Structures are given as structure tokens and as C-alpha cells.
Amino acid sequence: MKLATLKTDRLILRPWRAADREPFAAMSADPEVMRYLMPVADRATSDAIADRLAAHIEAYGFGFWALEVPSVAPFVGFTGLLHVGDDMPFTPAIEIGWRLAREHWGKGYASEAAMASLAYGFETLKLDEIVALTVPANSRSQAVMKRIGMSREPADDFEHPRLADGDPLKSHVLYRIKRDAFRP
């Protein structure tokens, strides 16, 4: 299977490399980056997550690609498309997601990479819909979702089934975009 690599004016979304593990672990250990995400306990857990993300790309040809900014940094985070687990109340679905190291926030990389991912999902994979999810307090991610044309129906919001009752990350908002609403 051909593994997709996407390019924008400033970015490369590519399959993971062994050298990505160290900066991924550092990013995953940053409390501000992980503020609205499930914590990554240690380096072994971080490496296992990187392995799962790489395996998804190997299996499907796409996934949460490593995000590179040529002439700036070989790894600034990840962005892409991922199959949603069957335990979610809105499956089957493909999720768009991103996580960037804090020093790369505010430069438009998440939106630019997300637009490339949406284009790939709708134009190449011929998906009908792509979803995104986060906790209600994560206004930065919700701003990206809105910038890339996604919309939210509060009736779609849900309680994350993998988190315990009382967990501050349990409540989630769900954004969607349909192929016919996508404007590259």
C-alpha cells in the first residue's frame, strides 16, 4: 500500500520516523500541550502511541501524520485523519486531529495541515464526512475546527466512554464537516 505524504506551502505531513519519538515524547510531556488531552504517563507510553499512529498509516495509507516544517523543524507535532474507535457514539467515523509542540502554536500550522488533511479525506479517500472532537474548554482547537469549516450541533456532544465519571475531560463537543461543505 502506498503511504500518503501531503505537502502544503510550508508543511509536510508524512509517515512517522524513529527520530520523531524523542520530540513526540517531549511534546507529550508538556502539561500545557496535554492540558485537554488524556495524559501520557511516561516515555514507554509515548512510544507506544507513536507506534499505534505509525501502524494506522501502515494499515490504511493515511493517519495522524508526523508534521514537519522544512528549514524549521523535522517534527513539530502531528495532524491528520484517523479511524474512530467503535466505542464512540458517532461511529463509524473518521476523525481529524492535531497536536503541536507549544513553540509552534500560533503560526497557522494546525489549520494549514488540517485543510490539507480534509482535502485528502474528501478528494482522495472520497469520505462523506469527517469529525473532530475535544473538551468544551479547548477553545484553541475549536477555533481551528471553525476555521477549517467544521460546525457543531450541541445535540451531538457526548460523554467520552473511555473516561471515568467525574473525570474533567469526560464531556466532549463534536464538530462535523460534510464533503459538500468543504471549501479548499
N, C-alpha and C. Protein backbone atom coordinates (compact mmCIF):
# COMPACT_ATOMS: atom_id res chain seq x y z
N MET A 1 0.84 -1.18 0.00
CA MET A 1 0.00 0.00 0.00
C MET A 1 0.89 1.25 0.00
N LYS A 2 0.52 2.20 -0.83
CA LYS A 2 1.26 3.46 -0.89
C LYS A 2 0.89 4.31 0.32
N LEU A 3 1.90 4.78 1.04
CA LEU A 3 1.69 5.62 2.20
C LEU A 3 1.68 7.08 1.76
N ALA A 4 0.61 7.76 2.03
CA ALA A 4 0.46 9.14 1.59
C ALA A 4 1.40 10.08 2.35
N THR A 5 1.92 11.04 1.62
CA THR A 5 2.63 12.19 2.18
C THR A 5 1.98 13.41 1.56
N LEU A 6 1.61 14.37 2.39
CA LEU A 6 0.95 15.58 1.91
C LEU A 6 1.89 16.76 2.05
N LYS A 7 1.80 17.70 1.13
CA LYS A 7 2.63 18.91 1.20
C LYS A 7 1.75 20.13 1.02
N THR A 8 2.05 21.15 1.81
CA THR A 8 1.42 22.45 1.65
C THR A 8 2.52 23.45 1.34
N ASP A 9 2.20 24.72 1.30
CA ASP A 9 3.23 25.72 1.04
C ASP A 9 4.34 25.69 2.07
N ARG A 10 4.00 25.38 3.32
CA ARG A 10 5.00 25.43 4.40
C ARG A 10 5.26 24.11 5.10
N LEU A 11 4.43 23.09 4.87
CA LEU A 11 4.45 21.90 5.71
C LEU A 11 4.55 20.61 4.91
N ILE A 12 5.03 19.58 5.59
CA ILE A 12 5.00 18.21 5.07
C ILE A 12 4.32 17.35 6.12
N LEU A 13 3.28 16.64 5.72
CA LEU A 13 2.61 15.66 6.56
C LEU A 13 3.06 14.31 6.04
N ARG A 14 3.75 13.54 6.85
CA ARG A 14 4.44 12.35 6.36
C ARG A 14 4.33 11.20 7.36
N PRO A 15 4.67 9.97 6.90
CA PRO A 15 4.74 8.85 7.83
C PRO A 15 5.79 9.11 8.92
N TRP A 16 5.59 8.47 10.05
CA TRP A 16 6.47 8.65 11.20
C TRP A 16 7.84 8.02 10.96
N ARG A 17 8.85 8.61 11.59
CA ARG A 17 10.23 8.09 11.57
C ARG A 17 10.67 7.83 13.01
N ALA A 18 11.65 6.99 13.17
CA ALA A 18 12.17 6.71 14.52
C ALA A 18 12.62 7.99 15.21
N ALA A 19 13.18 8.92 14.46
CA ALA A 19 13.67 10.18 15.05
C ALA A 19 12.53 11.05 15.59
N ASP A 20 11.29 10.75 15.25
CA ASP A 20 10.15 11.54 15.74
C ASP A 20 9.80 11.21 17.19
N ARG A 21 10.26 10.07 17.67
CA ARG A 21 9.87 9.63 19.02
C ARG A 21 10.31 10.60 20.11
N GLU A 22 11.51 11.08 20.03
CA GLU A 22 12.03 11.98 21.08
C GLU A 22 11.24 13.29 21.15
N PRO A 23 11.08 14.02 20.02
CA PRO A 23 10.29 15.25 20.13
C PRO A 23 8.81 14.98 20.43
N PHE A 24 8.28 13.83 20.01
CA PHE A 24 6.91 13.48 20.35
C PHE A 24 6.78 13.27 21.86
N ALA A 25 7.74 12.58 22.45
CA ALA A 25 7.71 12.36 23.90
C ALA A 25 7.82 13.69 24.65
N ALA A 26 8.68 14.58 24.18
CA ALA A 26 8.81 15.90 24.83
C ALA A 26 7.50 16.67 24.72
N MET A 27 6.88 16.66 23.56
CA MET A 27 5.61 17.35 23.37
C MET A 27 4.54 16.74 24.28
N SER A 28 4.52 15.41 24.38
CA SER A 28 3.51 14.72 25.18
C SER A 28 3.73 14.88 26.67
N ALA A 29 4.92 15.32 27.06
CA ALA A 29 5.22 15.57 28.47
C ALA A 29 4.95 17.02 28.87
N ASP A 30 4.63 17.86 27.91
CA ASP A 30 4.37 19.28 28.19
C ASP A 30 2.96 19.43 28.75
N PRO A 31 2.81 19.87 29.99
CA PRO A 31 1.47 19.95 30.59
C PRO A 31 0.54 20.91 29.86
N GLU A 32 1.06 21.94 29.24
CA GLU A 32 0.20 22.88 28.51
C GLU A 32 -0.32 22.25 27.22
N VAL A 33 0.53 21.50 26.51
CA VAL A 33 0.10 20.79 25.30
C VAL A 33 -0.97 19.77 25.66
N MET A 34 -0.79 19.09 26.77
CA MET A 34 -1.68 17.99 27.16
C MET A 34 -2.84 18.45 28.05
N ARG A 35 -3.00 19.72 28.23
CA ARG A 35 -4.00 20.26 29.15
C ARG A 35 -5.40 19.68 28.94
N TYR A 36 -5.80 19.48 27.70
CA TYR A 36 -7.15 18.98 27.39
C TYR A 36 -7.14 17.58 26.80
N LEU A 37 -6.04 16.87 27.00
CA LEU A 37 -5.89 15.52 26.45
C LEU A 37 -5.59 14.54 27.57
N MET A 38 -5.84 13.27 27.30
CA MET A 38 -5.51 12.25 28.28
C MET A 38 -3.99 12.25 28.48
N PRO A 39 -3.54 12.26 29.73
CA PRO A 39 -2.10 12.34 29.98
C PRO A 39 -1.33 11.13 29.47
N VAL A 40 -0.10 11.38 29.09
CA VAL A 40 0.82 10.33 28.66
C VAL A 40 1.76 10.10 29.84
N ALA A 41 1.67 8.90 30.43
CA ALA A 41 2.33 8.62 31.71
C ALA A 41 3.85 8.67 31.66
N ASP A 42 4.44 8.16 30.57
CA ASP A 42 5.90 8.03 30.54
C ASP A 42 6.37 7.83 29.10
N ARG A 43 7.66 7.71 28.93
CA ARG A 43 8.25 7.56 27.59
C ARG A 43 7.77 6.28 26.91
N ALA A 44 7.64 5.19 27.66
CA ALA A 44 7.18 3.94 27.05
C ALA A 44 5.76 4.11 26.50
N THR A 45 4.91 4.80 27.23
CA THR A 45 3.55 5.06 26.75
C THR A 45 3.58 5.94 25.51
N SER A 46 4.42 6.97 25.54
CA SER A 46 4.56 7.86 24.39
C SER A 46 5.01 7.07 23.15
N ASP A 47 6.00 6.22 23.32
CA ASP A 47 6.49 5.41 22.20
C ASP A 47 5.40 4.47 21.68
N ALA A 48 4.60 3.91 22.59
CA ALA A 48 3.51 3.03 22.17
C ALA A 48 2.46 3.79 21.36
N ILE A 49 2.17 5.02 21.76
CA ILE A 49 1.23 5.85 21.00
C ILE A 49 1.80 6.14 19.61
N ALA A 50 3.08 6.53 19.55
CA ALA A 50 3.71 6.79 18.25
C ALA A 50 3.66 5.53 17.37
N ASP A 51 3.89 4.38 17.97
CA ASP A 51 3.82 3.12 17.21
C ASP A 51 2.42 2.88 16.67
N ARG A 52 1.38 3.15 17.49
CA ARG A 52 0.00 2.96 17.03
C ARG A 52 -0.34 3.92 15.89
N LEU A 53 0.12 5.16 16.01
CA LEU A 53 -0.15 6.13 14.95
C LEU A 53 0.56 5.72 13.66
N ALA A 54 1.79 5.27 13.78
CA ALA A 54 2.53 4.80 12.59
C ALA A 54 1.87 3.56 12.00
N ALA A 55 1.38 2.66 12.85
CA ALA A 55 0.74 1.43 12.38
C ALA A 55 -0.56 1.73 11.63
N HIS A 56 -1.29 2.76 12.07
CA HIS A 56 -2.52 3.14 11.37
C HIS A 56 -2.18 3.58 9.95
N ILE A 57 -1.11 4.36 9.80
CA ILE A 57 -0.68 4.81 8.47
C ILE A 57 -0.27 3.60 7.63
N GLU A 58 0.47 2.69 8.23
CA GLU A 58 0.88 1.47 7.51
C GLU A 58 -0.33 0.66 7.04
N ALA A 59 -1.34 0.57 7.89
CA ALA A 59 -2.51 -0.25 7.58
C ALA A 59 -3.44 0.40 6.56
N TYR A 60 -3.59 1.73 6.62
CA TYR A 60 -4.60 2.39 5.80
C TYR A 60 -4.04 3.37 4.77
N GLY A 61 -2.74 3.68 4.85
CA GLY A 61 -2.15 4.63 3.92
C GLY A 61 -2.29 6.07 4.36
N PHE A 62 -3.04 6.31 5.43
CA PHE A 62 -3.23 7.65 6.00
C PHE A 62 -3.37 7.51 7.51
N GLY A 63 -3.32 8.62 8.19
CA GLY A 63 -3.46 8.60 9.65
C GLY A 63 -3.10 9.96 10.22
N PHE A 64 -2.72 9.96 11.47
CA PHE A 64 -2.17 11.17 12.09
C PHE A 64 -0.70 11.23 11.69
N TRP A 65 -0.45 11.97 10.60
CA TRP A 65 0.90 12.07 10.06
C TRP A 65 1.80 12.93 10.94
N ALA A 66 3.09 12.61 10.93
CA ALA A 66 4.07 13.48 11.56
C ALA A 66 4.09 14.78 10.76
N LEU A 67 4.19 15.88 11.46
CA LEU A 67 4.14 17.20 10.82
C LEU A 67 5.53 17.82 10.86
N GLU A 68 6.03 18.14 9.68
CA GLU A 68 7.38 18.69 9.52
C GLU A 68 7.28 20.09 8.90
N VAL A 69 8.13 20.98 9.38
CA VAL A 69 8.23 22.32 8.79
C VAL A 69 9.65 22.42 8.22
N PRO A 70 9.80 22.23 6.90
CA PRO A 70 11.14 22.25 6.31
C PRO A 70 11.88 23.54 6.67
N SER A 71 13.15 23.41 6.92
CA SER A 71 14.06 24.50 7.29
C SER A 71 13.74 25.11 8.66
N VAL A 72 12.77 24.52 9.38
CA VAL A 72 12.44 24.99 10.73
C VAL A 72 12.63 23.85 11.72
N ALA A 73 11.90 22.74 11.51
CA ALA A 73 11.98 21.60 12.42
C ALA A 73 11.50 20.34 11.71
N PRO A 74 12.18 19.22 11.93
CA PRO A 74 11.77 17.97 11.29
C PRO A 74 10.52 17.35 11.91
N PHE A 75 10.14 17.79 13.12
CA PHE A 75 8.93 17.30 13.77
C PHE A 75 8.39 18.39 14.67
N VAL A 76 7.15 18.84 14.38
CA VAL A 76 6.52 19.85 15.23
C VAL A 76 5.24 19.32 15.86
N GLY A 77 4.84 18.10 15.51
CA GLY A 77 3.62 17.51 16.04
C GLY A 77 3.02 16.55 15.04
N PHE A 78 1.71 16.41 15.09
CA PHE A 78 1.03 15.57 14.11
C PHE A 78 -0.30 16.20 13.73
N THR A 79 -0.77 15.82 12.56
CA THR A 79 -2.07 16.24 12.04
C THR A 79 -2.52 15.17 11.07
N GLY A 80 -3.83 14.95 11.00
CA GLY A 80 -4.31 14.01 10.00
C GLY A 80 -5.65 13.41 10.32
N LEU A 81 -5.86 12.25 9.75
CA LEU A 81 -7.15 11.55 9.78
C LEU A 81 -6.97 10.17 10.41
N LEU A 82 -7.94 9.78 11.23
CA LEU A 82 -7.82 8.53 11.96
C LEU A 82 -9.20 7.88 12.08
N HIS A 83 -9.24 6.56 11.98
CA HIS A 83 -10.49 5.84 12.26
C HIS A 83 -10.83 6.01 13.74
N VAL A 84 -12.09 6.30 14.01
CA VAL A 84 -12.56 6.46 15.38
C VAL A 84 -12.89 5.09 15.95
N GLY A 85 -12.56 4.88 17.22
CA GLY A 85 -12.88 3.61 17.87
C GLY A 85 -14.37 3.33 17.90
N ASP A 86 -14.72 2.06 17.82
CA ASP A 86 -16.12 1.65 17.76
C ASP A 86 -16.92 1.99 19.00
N ASP A 87 -16.24 2.34 20.10
CA ASP A 87 -16.97 2.63 21.33
C ASP A 87 -17.54 4.04 21.37
N MET A 88 -17.24 4.85 20.39
CA MET A 88 -17.75 6.22 20.37
C MET A 88 -19.19 6.23 19.85
N PRO A 89 -20.01 7.15 20.35
CA PRO A 89 -21.43 7.13 19.98
C PRO A 89 -21.74 7.60 18.56
N PHE A 90 -20.75 8.07 17.82
CA PHE A 90 -20.98 8.61 16.48
C PHE A 90 -20.28 7.80 15.39
N THR A 91 -19.90 6.57 15.71
CA THR A 91 -19.20 5.75 14.73
C THR A 91 -20.18 5.02 13.83
N PRO A 92 -19.71 4.57 12.66
CA PRO A 92 -18.34 4.69 12.14
C PRO A 92 -18.03 6.12 11.72
N ALA A 93 -16.77 6.49 11.87
CA ALA A 93 -16.37 7.86 11.54
C ALA A 93 -14.86 7.93 11.35
N ILE A 94 -14.45 8.97 10.64
CA ILE A 94 -13.04 9.33 10.51
C ILE A 94 -12.89 10.68 11.20
N GLU A 95 -11.91 10.73 12.09
CA GLU A 95 -11.63 11.93 12.86
C GLU A 95 -10.45 12.69 12.27
N ILE A 96 -10.53 14.01 12.28
CA ILE A 96 -9.37 14.84 12.01
C ILE A 96 -8.84 15.32 13.35
N GLY A 97 -7.53 15.34 13.48
CA GLY A 97 -6.94 15.77 14.74
C GLY A 97 -5.57 16.36 14.53
N TRP A 98 -5.09 17.02 15.57
CA TRP A 98 -3.78 17.67 15.53
C TRP A 98 -3.26 17.81 16.95
N ARG A 99 -1.98 17.84 17.07
CA ARG A 99 -1.28 18.17 18.32
C ARG A 99 0.07 18.74 17.92
N LEU A 100 0.34 19.93 18.36
CA LEU A 100 1.60 20.60 18.03
C LEU A 100 2.37 20.97 19.29
N ALA A 101 3.68 20.91 19.19
CA ALA A 101 4.53 21.37 20.28
C ALA A 101 4.25 22.86 20.51
N ARG A 102 4.26 23.26 21.76
CA ARG A 102 3.86 24.62 22.12
C ARG A 102 4.62 25.70 21.38
N GLU A 103 5.90 25.50 21.14
CA GLU A 103 6.68 26.54 20.45
C GLU A 103 6.24 26.77 19.00
N HIS A 104 5.37 25.90 18.52
CA HIS A 104 4.87 26.03 17.14
C HIS A 104 3.40 26.46 17.08
N TRP A 105 2.83 26.81 18.22
CA TRP A 105 1.46 27.32 18.26
C TRP A 105 1.41 28.73 17.68
N GLY A 106 0.26 29.10 17.19
CA GLY A 106 0.02 30.48 16.76
C GLY A 106 0.63 30.83 15.41
N LYS A 107 1.06 29.86 14.65
CA LYS A 107 1.69 30.11 13.35
C LYS A 107 0.81 29.65 12.19
N GLY A 108 -0.36 29.14 12.51
CA GLY A 108 -1.28 28.68 11.47
C GLY A 108 -1.00 27.27 10.97
N TYR A 109 -0.04 26.58 11.59
CA TYR A 109 0.31 25.24 11.12
C TYR A 109 -0.85 24.25 11.27
N ALA A 110 -1.56 24.30 12.39
CA ALA A 110 -2.65 23.34 12.61
C ALA A 110 -3.73 23.52 11.55
N SER A 111 -4.13 24.75 11.29
CA SER A 111 -5.18 24.99 10.29
C SER A 111 -4.71 24.59 8.90
N GLU A 112 -3.47 24.95 8.55
CA GLU A 112 -2.95 24.62 7.22
C GLU A 112 -2.86 23.11 7.01
N ALA A 113 -2.34 22.41 8.01
CA ALA A 113 -2.23 20.95 7.91
C ALA A 113 -3.61 20.30 7.93
N ALA A 114 -4.53 20.85 8.71
CA ALA A 114 -5.88 20.30 8.77
C ALA A 114 -6.60 20.47 7.43
N MET A 115 -6.43 21.60 6.78
CA MET A 115 -7.05 21.80 5.46
C MET A 115 -6.50 20.79 4.45
N ALA A 116 -5.20 20.53 4.50
CA ALA A 116 -4.62 19.53 3.60
C ALA A 116 -5.19 18.15 3.91
N SER A 117 -5.38 17.86 5.19
CA SER A 117 -5.95 16.57 5.60
C SER A 117 -7.40 16.44 5.13
N LEU A 118 -8.19 17.50 5.29
CA LEU A 118 -9.57 17.47 4.81
C LEU A 118 -9.61 17.25 3.30
N ALA A 119 -8.76 17.96 2.56
CA ALA A 119 -8.72 17.80 1.11
C ALA A 119 -8.40 16.35 0.75
N TYR A 120 -7.44 15.77 1.42
CA TYR A 120 -7.09 14.37 1.17
C TYR A 120 -8.28 13.46 1.47
N GLY A 121 -8.92 13.69 2.61
CA GLY A 121 -10.05 12.86 3.01
C GLY A 121 -11.21 12.93 2.03
N PHE A 122 -11.53 14.13 1.57
CA PHE A 122 -12.68 14.28 0.68
C PHE A 122 -12.34 13.99 -0.78
N GLU A 123 -11.16 14.42 -1.24
CA GLU A 123 -10.82 14.28 -2.65
C GLU A 123 -10.21 12.94 -2.99
N THR A 124 -9.36 12.41 -2.12
CA THR A 124 -8.68 11.15 -2.41
C THR A 124 -9.43 9.96 -1.82
N LEU A 125 -9.78 10.06 -0.53
CA LEU A 125 -10.46 8.95 0.13
C LEU A 125 -11.96 8.93 -0.16
N LYS A 126 -12.48 10.03 -0.71
CA LYS A 126 -13.90 10.14 -1.05
C LYS A 126 -14.81 9.95 0.17
N LEU A 127 -14.37 10.44 1.33
CA LEU A 127 -15.19 10.37 2.54
C LEU A 127 -16.38 11.30 2.40
N ASP A 128 -17.48 10.93 3.02
CA ASP A 128 -18.67 11.78 3.02
C ASP A 128 -18.63 12.81 4.14
N GLU A 129 -17.98 12.43 5.26
CA GLU A 129 -17.96 13.30 6.44
C GLU A 129 -16.70 13.04 7.24
N ILE A 130 -16.22 14.07 7.91
CA ILE A 130 -15.09 13.98 8.83
C ILE A 130 -15.52 14.69 10.11
N VAL A 131 -15.13 14.12 11.25
CA VAL A 131 -15.50 14.68 12.55
C VAL A 131 -14.25 15.13 13.30
N ALA A 132 -14.46 15.97 14.31
CA ALA A 132 -13.40 16.37 15.23
C ALA A 132 -14.03 16.46 16.61
N LEU A 133 -13.23 16.17 17.63
CA LEU A 133 -13.75 16.19 18.99
C LEU A 133 -12.73 16.78 19.95
N THR A 134 -13.25 17.41 20.99
CA THR A 134 -12.42 17.96 22.04
C THR A 134 -13.30 18.24 23.24
N VAL A 135 -12.67 18.67 24.33
CA VAL A 135 -13.43 19.06 25.52
C VAL A 135 -13.95 20.49 25.32
N PRO A 136 -15.05 20.85 25.98
CA PRO A 136 -15.62 22.19 25.79
C PRO A 136 -14.65 23.33 26.09
N ALA A 137 -13.75 23.15 27.02
CA ALA A 137 -12.82 24.23 27.41
C ALA A 137 -11.71 24.47 26.39
N ASN A 138 -11.51 23.56 25.44
CA ASN A 138 -10.41 23.69 24.50
C ASN A 138 -10.78 24.65 23.35
N SER A 139 -10.77 25.92 23.66
CA SER A 139 -11.19 26.93 22.68
C SER A 139 -10.22 27.03 21.51
N ARG A 140 -8.94 26.76 21.73
CA ARG A 140 -7.96 26.83 20.63
C ARG A 140 -8.28 25.79 19.55
N SER A 141 -8.55 24.56 19.97
CA SER A 141 -8.88 23.52 18.97
C SER A 141 -10.22 23.81 18.32
N GLN A 142 -11.18 24.30 19.09
CA GLN A 142 -12.46 24.63 18.49
C GLN A 142 -12.32 25.77 17.48
N ALA A 143 -11.41 26.69 17.73
CA ALA A 143 -11.18 27.77 16.76
C ALA A 143 -10.63 27.20 15.45
N VAL A 144 -9.73 26.22 15.53
CA VAL A 144 -9.23 25.57 14.31
C VAL A 144 -10.38 24.87 13.60
N MET A 145 -11.20 24.16 14.34
CA MET A 145 -12.34 23.45 13.73
C MET A 145 -13.23 24.42 12.95
N LYS A 146 -13.50 25.56 13.53
CA LYS A 146 -14.33 26.56 12.86
C LYS A 146 -13.62 27.14 11.64
N ARG A 147 -12.31 27.43 11.78
CA ARG A 147 -11.55 27.99 10.65
C ARG A 147 -11.54 27.08 9.44
N ILE A 148 -11.55 25.77 9.68
CA ILE A 148 -11.48 24.84 8.55
C ILE A 148 -12.88 24.45 8.06
N GLY A 149 -13.90 25.12 8.57
CA GLY A 149 -15.25 24.94 8.04
C GLY A 149 -16.13 23.95 8.76
N MET A 150 -15.69 23.45 9.90
CA MET A 150 -16.49 22.48 10.65
C MET A 150 -17.55 23.22 11.46
N SER A 151 -18.62 22.51 11.78
CA SER A 151 -19.67 23.09 12.61
C SER A 151 -20.10 22.11 13.68
N ARG A 152 -20.73 22.66 14.70
CA ARG A 152 -21.13 21.87 15.87
C ARG A 152 -22.63 21.96 16.08
N GLU A 153 -23.21 20.83 16.37
CA GLU A 153 -24.60 20.75 16.82
C GLU A 153 -24.54 20.28 18.27
N PRO A 154 -24.92 21.10 19.23
CA PRO A 154 -24.82 20.70 20.64
C PRO A 154 -25.46 19.35 20.96
N ALA A 155 -26.47 18.96 20.20
CA ALA A 155 -27.11 17.65 20.43
C ALA A 155 -26.14 16.49 20.17
N ASP A 156 -25.06 16.73 19.41
CA ASP A 156 -24.06 15.69 19.12
C ASP A 156 -23.01 15.55 20.22
N ASP A 157 -22.95 16.50 21.14
CA ASP A 157 -21.94 16.43 22.21
C ASP A 157 -22.16 15.15 23.01
N PHE A 158 -21.10 14.65 23.62
CA PHE A 158 -21.16 13.33 24.24
C PHE A 158 -20.21 13.22 25.42
N GLU A 159 -20.40 12.17 26.18
CA GLU A 159 -19.51 11.81 27.28
C GLU A 159 -18.54 10.76 26.75
N HIS A 160 -17.24 11.02 26.90
CA HIS A 160 -16.23 10.10 26.37
C HIS A 160 -16.33 8.76 27.10
N PRO A 161 -16.58 7.67 26.36
CA PRO A 161 -16.79 6.37 27.02
C PRO A 161 -15.55 5.76 27.66
N ARG A 162 -14.37 6.24 27.31
CA ARG A 162 -13.15 5.67 27.89
C ARG A 162 -12.68 6.40 29.14
N LEU A 163 -13.44 7.41 29.55
CA LEU A 163 -13.07 8.18 30.74
C LEU A 163 -14.08 7.96 31.85
N ALA A 164 -13.59 7.94 33.07
CA ALA A 164 -14.44 7.67 34.23
C ALA A 164 -15.37 8.85 34.51
N ASP A 165 -16.51 8.55 35.08
CA ASP A 165 -17.40 9.61 35.54
C ASP A 165 -16.63 10.50 36.51
N GLY A 166 -16.83 11.79 36.39
CA GLY A 166 -16.11 12.73 37.25
C GLY A 166 -14.80 13.21 36.67
N ASP A 167 -14.28 12.53 35.65
CA ASP A 167 -13.05 12.99 35.00
C ASP A 167 -13.33 14.34 34.34
N PRO A 168 -12.48 15.35 34.56
CA PRO A 168 -12.74 16.66 33.97
C PRO A 168 -12.71 16.68 32.44
N LEU A 169 -12.20 15.63 31.81
CA LEU A 169 -12.15 15.54 30.35
C LEU A 169 -13.28 14.68 29.78
N LYS A 170 -14.20 14.23 30.61
CA LYS A 170 -15.27 13.32 30.17
C LYS A 170 -16.19 13.96 29.12
N SER A 171 -16.61 15.19 29.32
CA SER A 171 -17.53 15.85 28.38
C SER A 171 -16.77 16.27 27.13
N HIS A 172 -17.36 16.00 25.97
CA HIS A 172 -16.75 16.35 24.70
C HIS A 172 -17.76 17.03 23.78
N VAL A 173 -17.24 17.92 22.94
CA VAL A 173 -18.02 18.51 21.86
C VAL A 173 -17.60 17.83 20.57
N LEU A 174 -18.54 17.74 19.63
CA LEU A 174 -18.29 17.08 18.36
C LEU A 174 -18.56 18.07 17.23
N TYR A 175 -17.58 18.22 16.36
CA TYR A 175 -17.73 19.05 15.16
C TYR A 175 -17.74 18.13 13.96
N ARG A 176 -18.41 18.57 12.89
CA ARG A 176 -18.51 17.77 11.67
C ARG A 176 -18.32 18.67 10.45
N ILE A 177 -17.89 18.05 9.37
CA ILE A 177 -17.93 18.70 8.07
C ILE A 177 -18.24 17.63 7.03
N LYS A 178 -19.16 17.95 6.15
CA LYS A 178 -19.54 17.06 5.05
C LYS A 178 -18.74 17.45 3.81
N ARG A 179 -18.57 16.49 2.93
CA ARG A 179 -17.79 16.74 1.71
C ARG A 179 -18.35 17.94 0.93
N ASP A 180 -19.65 18.05 0.81
CA ASP A 180 -20.21 19.14 0.01
C ASP A 180 -20.07 20.52 0.68
N ALA A 181 -19.70 20.56 1.95
CA ALA A 181 -19.48 21.83 2.65
C ALA A 181 -18.01 22.25 2.64
N PHE A 182 -17.12 21.35 2.21
CA PHE A 182 -15.69 21.64 2.24
C PHE A 182 -15.31 22.63 1.15
N ARG A 183 -14.59 23.68 1.54
CA ARG A 183 -14.09 24.70 0.61
C ARG A 183 -12.59 24.80 0.76
N PRO A 184 -11.84 24.15 -0.16
CA PRO A 184 -10.37 24.18 -0.05
C PRO A 184 -9.78 25.57 -0.22
